[in-house]
Protein backbone atom coordinates (compact mmCIF):
# COMPACT_ATOMS: atom_id res chain seq x y z
CA MET A 1 -58.49 -37.64 61.77
CA ALA A 2 -56.31 -36.35 59.28
CA LEU A 3 -57.16 -36.96 54.98
CA ASN A 4 -53.76 -38.03 54.17
CA LEU A 5 -52.25 -36.49 50.77
CA ALA A 6 -49.56 -37.65 48.97
CA ILE A 7 -47.62 -35.06 46.27
CA ALA A 8 -46.55 -36.56 43.04
CA GLY A 9 -43.86 -34.56 41.14
CA ALA A 10 -42.96 -32.60 45.15
CA GLY A 11 -39.47 -31.32 43.64
CA GLY A 12 -41.45 -29.21 41.16
CA ARG A 13 -43.01 -25.59 41.05
CA MET A 14 -46.82 -27.10 41.48
CA GLY A 15 -45.68 -29.98 44.37
CA ARG A 16 -44.01 -28.16 46.72
CA MET A 17 -47.21 -25.46 46.66
CA LEU A 18 -49.32 -28.71 46.76
CA LEU A 19 -47.03 -29.19 50.29
CA GLU A 20 -46.70 -26.15 51.58
CA ALA A 21 -50.70 -25.52 50.69
CA ALA A 22 -51.86 -28.54 52.29
CA ALA A 23 -50.50 -27.61 55.68
CA SER A 24 -52.10 -25.09 55.71
CA GLN A 25 -55.17 -26.33 55.75
CA PRO A 26 -57.13 -27.82 58.80
CA GLY A 27 -57.62 -31.27 58.97
CA MET A 28 -55.23 -32.16 56.26
CA ALA A 29 -51.38 -33.83 56.09
CA ILE A 30 -48.58 -34.67 53.83
CA SER A 31 -47.82 -38.91 54.53
CA GLY A 32 -46.38 -39.06 51.18
CA ALA A 33 -43.82 -37.89 48.90
CA LEU A 34 -43.20 -39.00 45.12
CA GLU A 35 -40.78 -38.34 43.09
CA HIS A 36 -38.69 -39.51 39.93
CA ALA A 37 -36.61 -42.84 40.02
CA THR A 38 -33.82 -40.49 38.66
CA SER A 39 -34.58 -37.06 40.62
CA PRO A 40 -31.60 -35.92 43.13
CA LEU A 41 -34.30 -34.66 45.15
CA LEU A 42 -35.25 -38.58 46.30
CA GLY A 43 -34.54 -38.66 50.13
CA ARG A 44 -34.83 -35.24 51.49
CA ASP A 45 -37.18 -34.05 53.45
CA ALA A 46 -39.80 -32.47 51.51
CA GLY A 47 -40.01 -30.00 54.23
CA GLU A 48 -36.81 -28.72 52.17
CA LEU A 49 -38.57 -28.16 49.23
CA SER A 50 -41.28 -26.38 51.39
CA GLY A 51 -41.27 -25.27 54.76
CA SER A 52 -43.44 -27.66 55.66
CA ALA A 53 -44.43 -31.09 55.70
CA LYS A 54 -41.51 -32.62 58.52
CA GLY A 55 -40.19 -36.07 58.85
CA ILE A 56 -41.57 -36.54 55.16
CA ALA A 57 -38.68 -38.45 52.93
CA VAL A 58 -38.75 -37.47 48.71
CA THR A 59 -39.59 -41.51 47.34
CA SER A 60 -39.48 -43.03 44.09
CA ASP A 61 -40.97 -45.84 45.94
CA LEU A 62 -44.64 -46.35 45.49
CA VAL A 63 -45.47 -48.48 47.75
CA SER A 64 -44.15 -46.76 50.81
CA GLY A 65 -44.95 -43.29 49.03
CA LEU A 66 -48.94 -44.51 49.42
CA ALA A 67 -48.78 -46.10 52.14
CA ASN A 68 -51.01 -44.26 54.47
CA ALA A 69 -52.44 -41.40 51.76
CA HIS A 70 -56.33 -41.40 50.94
CA VAL A 71 -55.49 -39.18 48.43
CA LEU A 72 -52.62 -38.65 45.88
CA ILE A 73 -52.38 -35.40 44.06
CA ASP A 74 -50.76 -35.86 40.92
CA PHE A 75 -49.46 -32.48 38.41
CA THR A 76 -46.98 -34.85 36.03
CA ARG A 77 -46.70 -35.93 33.12
CA PRO A 78 -49.02 -38.00 31.37
CA GLU A 79 -46.40 -41.42 31.50
CA GLY A 80 -45.96 -40.40 34.72
CA THR A 81 -48.67 -39.99 35.69
CA LEU A 82 -50.70 -43.24 34.44
CA GLN A 83 -47.61 -45.13 36.50
CA HIS A 84 -49.36 -43.59 39.47
CA LEU A 85 -52.64 -44.48 38.48
CA ALA A 86 -51.69 -48.26 38.80
CA ALA A 87 -50.65 -48.01 41.85
CA CYS A 88 -53.51 -46.16 43.71
CA ARG A 89 -55.85 -48.38 41.95
CA LYS A 90 -54.36 -51.39 43.71
CA HIS A 91 -53.61 -49.92 46.68
CA ALA A 92 -57.22 -48.45 46.73
CA VAL A 93 -56.19 -44.57 46.67
CA ASN A 94 -57.91 -42.24 45.07
CA MET A 95 -56.40 -39.04 43.04
CA VAL A 96 -57.03 -36.03 41.91
CA ILE A 97 -55.48 -35.82 37.58
CA GLY A 98 -54.16 -31.60 37.32
CA THR A 99 -51.99 -33.44 34.52
CA THR A 100 -52.65 -32.69 31.03
CA GLY A 101 -52.25 -33.70 27.31
CA PHE A 102 -53.66 -36.84 27.74
CA THR A 103 -54.14 -39.48 24.60
CA ALA A 104 -57.79 -40.17 23.68
CA ASP A 105 -56.53 -43.87 24.89
CA GLN A 106 -54.79 -42.57 28.09
CA LYS A 107 -57.71 -41.63 29.64
CA ARG A 108 -59.88 -44.28 28.61
CA GLU A 109 -57.16 -45.93 30.87
CA ILE A 110 -58.44 -43.24 33.93
CA GLU A 111 -62.57 -43.76 33.05
CA ALA A 112 -61.31 -47.77 33.97
CA ALA A 113 -59.94 -46.81 36.57
CA ALA A 114 -62.02 -45.13 37.88
CA THR A 115 -64.97 -48.43 38.45
CA HIS A 116 -61.97 -49.59 40.98
CA ILE A 117 -61.31 -45.26 43.11
CA ALA A 118 -62.75 -42.31 42.95
CA ILE A 119 -61.02 -39.49 40.66
CA VAL A 120 -61.03 -36.21 40.22
CA PHE A 121 -59.95 -35.32 36.84
CA ALA A 122 -60.12 -32.18 35.44
CA ALA A 123 -56.98 -29.60 32.91
CA ASN A 124 -57.21 -26.79 35.55
CA MET A 125 -57.93 -26.78 38.99
CA SER A 126 -58.59 -22.95 39.01
CA LEU A 127 -62.03 -22.62 40.58
CA GLY A 128 -62.22 -18.81 38.46
CA MET A 129 -61.08 -21.47 35.33
CA ILE A 130 -64.32 -23.90 35.83
CA VAL A 131 -66.72 -21.39 36.10
CA LEU A 132 -65.48 -19.44 33.21
CA ALA A 133 -65.90 -22.60 31.51
CA LYS A 134 -69.52 -22.33 32.15
CA LEU A 135 -69.44 -18.37 31.66
CA VAL A 136 -67.81 -19.85 28.17
CA GLY A 137 -70.35 -22.60 27.56
CA MET A 138 -73.76 -19.90 28.09
CA ALA A 139 -71.92 -17.84 25.90
CA SER A 140 -71.02 -20.15 23.25
CA ARG A 141 -75.05 -20.99 23.09
CA ALA A 142 -76.12 -17.16 22.41
CA LEU A 143 -73.44 -16.29 20.16
CA HIS A 144 -72.51 -19.34 18.14
CA GLU A 145 -74.10 -18.31 15.24
CA GLY A 146 -73.07 -14.92 13.65
CA TYR A 147 -69.98 -14.26 15.75
CA ASP A 148 -66.44 -16.85 14.87
CA ILE A 149 -64.89 -17.51 18.35
CA GLU A 150 -61.13 -18.46 19.10
CA ILE A 151 -59.32 -19.03 21.96
CA ILE A 152 -55.95 -17.53 22.49
CA GLU A 153 -53.78 -18.66 25.67
CA ALA A 154 -50.46 -18.37 26.71
CA HIS A 155 -47.74 -20.08 29.15
CA HIS A 156 -43.88 -20.67 29.88
CA LYS A 157 -41.21 -21.32 27.54
CA LEU A 158 -41.45 -24.84 29.62
CA LYS A 159 -44.33 -26.17 28.87
CA VAL A 160 -44.56 -29.20 26.38
CA ASP A 161 -47.77 -29.47 25.20
CA ALA A 162 -49.84 -27.31 22.74
CA PRO A 163 -52.80 -26.07 22.98
CA SER A 164 -53.18 -25.89 26.62
CA GLY A 165 -55.12 -28.70 28.50
CA THR A 166 -57.10 -25.20 29.77
CA ALA A 167 -58.06 -23.59 25.92
CA LEU A 168 -58.83 -27.38 25.24
CA MET A 169 -61.59 -27.71 28.02
CA LEU A 170 -63.21 -24.14 27.03
CA GLY A 171 -63.01 -25.18 23.35
CA GLU A 172 -65.02 -28.39 24.20
CA ALA A 173 -67.34 -26.10 26.16
CA ALA A 174 -67.76 -24.13 23.87
CA ALA A 175 -68.27 -26.78 21.32
CA LYS A 176 -70.27 -28.79 23.06
CA SER A 177 -73.34 -26.15 23.63
CA MET A 178 -73.00 -25.97 20.29
CA GLY A 179 -74.66 -29.60 19.92
CA LYS A 180 -71.11 -30.35 18.00
CA ALA A 181 -67.26 -32.65 18.86
CA LEU A 182 -64.47 -30.51 18.92
CA ASP A 183 -62.27 -32.43 16.91
CA GLU A 184 -65.03 -31.98 14.33
CA ILE A 185 -65.20 -27.60 14.46
CA GLY A 186 -61.86 -26.98 16.00
CA VAL A 187 -58.52 -25.93 13.76
CA PHE A 188 -55.64 -25.81 15.67
CA GLU A 189 -53.51 -25.11 12.02
CA ARG A 190 -52.78 -22.23 10.56
CA HIS A 191 -50.12 -21.28 7.43
CA GLY A 192 -49.88 -20.01 3.93
CA VAL A 193 -53.15 -19.77 2.15
CA ILE A 194 -56.01 -20.72 4.23
CA GLY A 195 -59.08 -19.47 2.77
CA GLU A 196 -61.76 -18.07 4.23
CA ARG A 197 -63.11 -19.22 7.24
CA LYS A 198 -65.52 -22.36 7.55
CA PRO A 199 -68.90 -20.70 9.34
CA GLY A 200 -69.26 -22.53 13.32
CA THR A 201 -65.10 -23.06 14.07
CA ILE A 202 -63.63 -22.69 17.42
CA GLY A 203 -59.87 -21.64 16.41
CA PHE A 204 -57.27 -22.09 18.78
CA SER A 205 -53.70 -19.71 18.99
CA ALA A 206 -51.10 -20.98 21.87
CA ILE A 207 -48.57 -18.32 22.87
CA ARG A 208 -45.00 -19.35 25.22
CA GLY A 209 -42.88 -17.68 26.75
CA GLY A 210 -41.50 -16.00 29.26
CA ASP A 211 -42.59 -17.27 33.33
CA ILE A 212 -46.51 -17.30 31.71
CA ILE A 213 -48.30 -18.95 34.46
CA GLY A 214 -51.08 -19.66 32.19
CA ASP A 215 -53.39 -16.58 30.48
CA HIS A 216 -56.54 -18.06 28.34
CA THR A 217 -59.13 -15.73 26.51
CA VAL A 218 -62.57 -16.65 24.43
CA MET A 219 -63.06 -14.51 21.93
CA TYR A 220 -66.73 -13.61 20.05
CA ALA A 221 -65.46 -11.54 16.58
CA GLY A 222 -68.92 -10.63 15.47
CA SER A 223 -69.84 -8.23 12.83
CA GLY A 224 -68.84 -4.32 14.48
CA GLU A 225 -68.57 -6.35 17.75
CA ARG A 226 -66.10 -8.06 19.96
CA ILE A 227 -66.85 -10.07 23.44
CA GLU A 228 -64.01 -11.49 25.44
CA ILE A 229 -63.47 -13.43 28.69
CA THR A 230 -60.20 -13.89 30.27
CA HIS A 231 -58.75 -15.67 32.75
CA ARG A 232 -55.30 -14.75 33.76
CA SER A 233 -53.17 -16.62 36.47
CA SER A 234 -50.58 -15.17 38.60
CA SER A 235 -49.25 -17.68 40.70
CA ARG A 236 -50.08 -20.93 40.95
CA VAL A 237 -51.77 -20.66 44.57
CA THR A 238 -55.72 -21.41 42.73
CA PHE A 239 -54.22 -24.72 41.22
CA ALA A 240 -53.67 -25.81 44.46
CA HIS A 241 -56.49 -25.03 46.02
CA GLY A 242 -58.35 -26.53 43.46
CA ALA A 243 -56.64 -29.55 44.14
CA LEU A 244 -56.90 -29.56 47.73
CA ARG A 245 -60.76 -28.99 47.46
CA ALA A 246 -61.16 -31.80 45.50
CA ALA A 247 -58.97 -34.24 47.90
CA ARG A 248 -61.55 -33.52 50.19
CA PHE A 249 -64.09 -33.84 47.74
CA LEU A 250 -63.11 -36.88 47.14
CA GLU A 251 -63.24 -38.08 50.80
CA GLY A 252 -65.49 -41.72 51.78
CA ARG A 253 -65.89 -41.87 47.73
CA LYS A 254 -65.22 -45.48 46.90
CA ALA A 255 -65.18 -45.34 42.68
CA GLY A 256 -66.74 -42.74 40.33
CA LEU A 257 -64.66 -40.27 37.74
CA PHE A 258 -65.30 -37.01 39.00
CA SER A 259 -64.97 -33.12 37.36
CA MET A 260 -64.25 -29.62 39.26
CA GLU A 261 -68.01 -28.57 37.99
CA ASP A 262 -68.67 -31.95 40.18
CA VAL A 263 -66.30 -30.26 43.08
CA LEU A 264 -68.08 -27.14 42.84
CA GLY A 265 -71.74 -28.55 42.90
CA LEU A 266 -71.92 -27.30 39.34
CA ASN A 267 -73.46 -29.80 37.77
């Protein structure tokens, strides 16, 4: 039996890529394509958006959009994702959540829902990025004394949150390996006379411009040397394939909150 997927934000760049990527995966089928209630795409065939998924009309009705789905893949915005989360919990549909910008309270809503359905929740679905986060943890354990850690990220001009969810994920990986919480040692703003750098902190810089898909660098600046670990995304297809792998991981699972590390067997 095919794994039926519903795609939230089907008309967006990521949504269209997910529709196209899923259509090429054996054992997967698109059963629903969701958009917000004011979208001009409502009623159109999802195949018009991606060249695949013929016969699936774009809808804002969550009941019909989720009717035959085993998993909903959501790369939208926090408010929309939480509405979808409530519907998935009600109708026992698992979720892959790649949305970023959640508050601590909103993350707790996701954790609560995961006691009823199975969820993969990650700020970045790129398989390469998940491996990079593991490398950052290793490097930070070895280099947190005598080295200053900086995280530099760059994204397109339409991105609305900063730092990116992926940059925060990398910061959390570094902080955890140092035995600290990112909230305690993260430096997210610098302006004016800020004084000397405090040892043991993790600095963040965000660049917004053009159509940059996503670049992330973790820098370890020591005396006489600098180490940089970098990941650059040249296509969103990497996120789509990671999300589909996460959806496959959820097949048959009833409840639980999982990371991409779980999906890749790195935990």
